[in-house]
Amino acid sequence: MPMLACTHHVTWIAPAEGGKHQCLYCREFVTKKDIFPKWDDLGPDFQKRWDAHEKGETAAAAPKPA
């Protein structure tokens, strides 16, 4: 059965290829304006990680395992 409405909660969002973000619940690609809580309500750490992934910097910025 198709999804009628999804809130795209940030806990369901995962980085996808090409700097995109995908909702794991409904499988849609989402942008900053689609997520809940609102972008401005999320902390600067979350916003930095999101922006870094969109720019393709995730692999370079990821901490290396010890």
C-alpha atoms as a PDB file:
ATOM      1  CA  MET A   1       0.000   0.000   0.000  1.00  0.00           C
ATOM      2  CA  PRO A   2       1.482   3.416  -0.913  1.00  0.00           C
ATOM      3  CA  MET A   3       2.500   5.914   1.741  1.00  0.00           C
ATOM      4  CA  LEU A   4      -0.008   8.774   1.967  1.00  0.00           C
ATOM      5  CA  ALA A   5       2.136  11.127   4.036  1.00  0.00           C
ATOM      6  CA  CYS A   6       5.522  10.830   5.665  1.00  0.00           C
ATOM      7  CA  THR A   7       6.963  13.314   8.133  1.00  0.00           C
ATOM      8  CA  HIS A   8      10.573  12.537   7.036  1.00  0.00           C
ATOM      9  CA  HIS A   9      11.783  12.666  10.632  1.00  0.00           C
ATOM     10  CA  VAL A  10      15.544  13.235  10.848  1.00  0.00           C
ATOM     11  CA  THR A  11      16.014   9.877  12.585  1.00  0.00           C
ATOM     12  CA  TRP A  12      14.788   8.204   9.383  1.00  0.00           C
ATOM     13  CA  ILE A  13      17.103  10.151   7.052  1.00  0.00           C
ATOM     14  CA  ALA A  14      20.272   8.562   5.715  1.00  0.00           C
ATOM     15  CA  PRO A  15      22.954   9.889   3.358  1.00  0.00           C
ATOM     16  CA  ALA A  16      22.621   8.516  -0.172  1.00  0.00           C
ATOM     17  CA  GLU A  17      24.903   8.571  -3.195  1.00  0.00           C
ATOM     18  CA  GLY A  18      25.467  11.827  -5.010  1.00  0.00           C
ATOM     19  CA  GLY A  19      25.155  14.054  -1.947  1.00  0.00           C
ATOM     20  CA  LYS A  20      21.463  13.275  -1.552  1.00  0.00           C
ATOM     21  CA  HIS A  21      19.530  12.267   1.560  1.00  0.00           C
ATOM     22  CA  GLN A  22      16.894   9.533   1.612  1.00  0.00           C
ATOM     23  CA  CYS A  23      14.083   8.783   4.034  1.00  0.00           C
ATOM     24  CA  LEU A  24      14.447   5.164   5.137  1.00  0.00           C
ATOM     25  CA  TYR A  25      10.750   4.955   6.006  1.00  0.00           C
ATOM     26  CA  CYS A  26       9.177   5.950   2.683  1.00  0.00           C
ATOM     27  CA  ARG A  27      12.320   5.766   0.453  1.00  0.00           C
ATOM     28  CA  GLU A  28      11.897   9.296  -0.951  1.00  0.00           C
ATOM     29  CA  PHE A  29      14.853  11.604  -1.512  1.00  0.00           C
ATOM     30  CA  VAL A  30      14.448  14.649   0.728  1.00  0.00           C
ATOM     31  CA  THR A  31      15.822  18.149   1.045  1.00  0.00           C
ATOM     32  CA  LYS A  32      16.294  20.465   4.016  1.00  0.00           C
ATOM     33  CA  LYS A  33      12.799  21.887   3.607  1.00  0.00           C
ATOM     34  CA  ASP A  34      11.195  18.402   3.704  1.00  0.00           C
ATOM     35  CA  ILE A  35      12.514  17.190   7.069  1.00  0.00           C
ATOM     36  CA  PHE A  36      11.079  17.320  10.576  1.00  0.00           C
ATOM     37  CA  PRO A  37      12.009  18.983  12.931  1.00  0.00           C
ATOM     38  CA  LYS A  38      12.532  22.077  10.832  1.00  0.00           C
ATOM     39  CA  TRP A  39      16.043  22.810   9.579  1.00  0.00           C
ATOM     40  CA  ASP A  40      16.431  25.910  11.760  1.00  0.00           C
ATOM     41  CA  ASP A  41      15.525  23.903  14.877  1.00  0.00           C
ATOM     42  CA  LEU A  42      18.314  21.378  14.319  1.00  0.00           C
ATOM     43  CA  GLY A  43      21.700  21.993  15.891  1.00  0.00           C
ATOM     44  CA  PRO A  44      24.790  23.273  14.103  1.00  0.00           C
ATOM     45  CA  ASP A  45      26.475  19.839  14.266  1.00  0.00           C
ATOM     46  CA  PHE A  46      23.620  18.223  12.357  1.00  0.00           C
ATOM     47  CA  GLN A  47      23.576  21.058   9.824  1.00  0.00           C
ATOM     48  CA  LYS A  48      27.346  20.769   9.270  1.00  0.00           C
ATOM     49  CA  ARG A  49      27.122  17.017   8.630  1.00  0.00           C
ATOM     50  CA  TRP A  50      24.221  17.508   6.206  1.00  0.00           C
ATOM     51  CA  ASP A  51      26.007  20.292   4.296  1.00  0.00           C
ATOM     52  CA  ALA A  52      29.276  18.327   4.189  1.00  0.00           C
ATOM     53  CA  HIS A  53      27.509  15.329   2.676  1.00  0.00           C
ATOM     54  CA  GLU A  54      25.788  17.495   0.055  1.00  0.00           C
ATOM     55  CA  LYS A  55      29.187  18.898  -0.928  1.00  0.00           C
ATOM     56  CA  GLY A  56      30.703  15.402  -1.117  1.00  0.00           C
ATOM     57  CA  GLU A  57      32.988  15.949   1.867  1.00  0.00           C
ATOM     58  CA  THR A  58      31.596  13.092   3.996  1.00  0.00           C
ATOM     59  CA  ALA A  59      34.344  10.587   3.203  1.00  0.00           C
ATOM     60  CA  ALA A  60      37.121  13.100   3.876  1.00  0.00           C
ATOM     61  CA  ALA A  61      35.514  14.408   7.062  1.00  0.00           C
ATOM     62  CA  ALA A  62      34.675  11.007   8.549  1.00  0.00           C
ATOM     63  CA  PRO A  63      36.818   9.996  11.500  1.00  0.00           C
ATOM     64  CA  LYS A  64      39.185   7.140  10.853  1.00  0.00           C
ATOM     65  CA  PRO A  65      38.748   3.983  12.964  1.00  0.00           C
ATOM     66  CA  ALA A  66      41.423   3.387  15.582  1.00  0.00           C
END
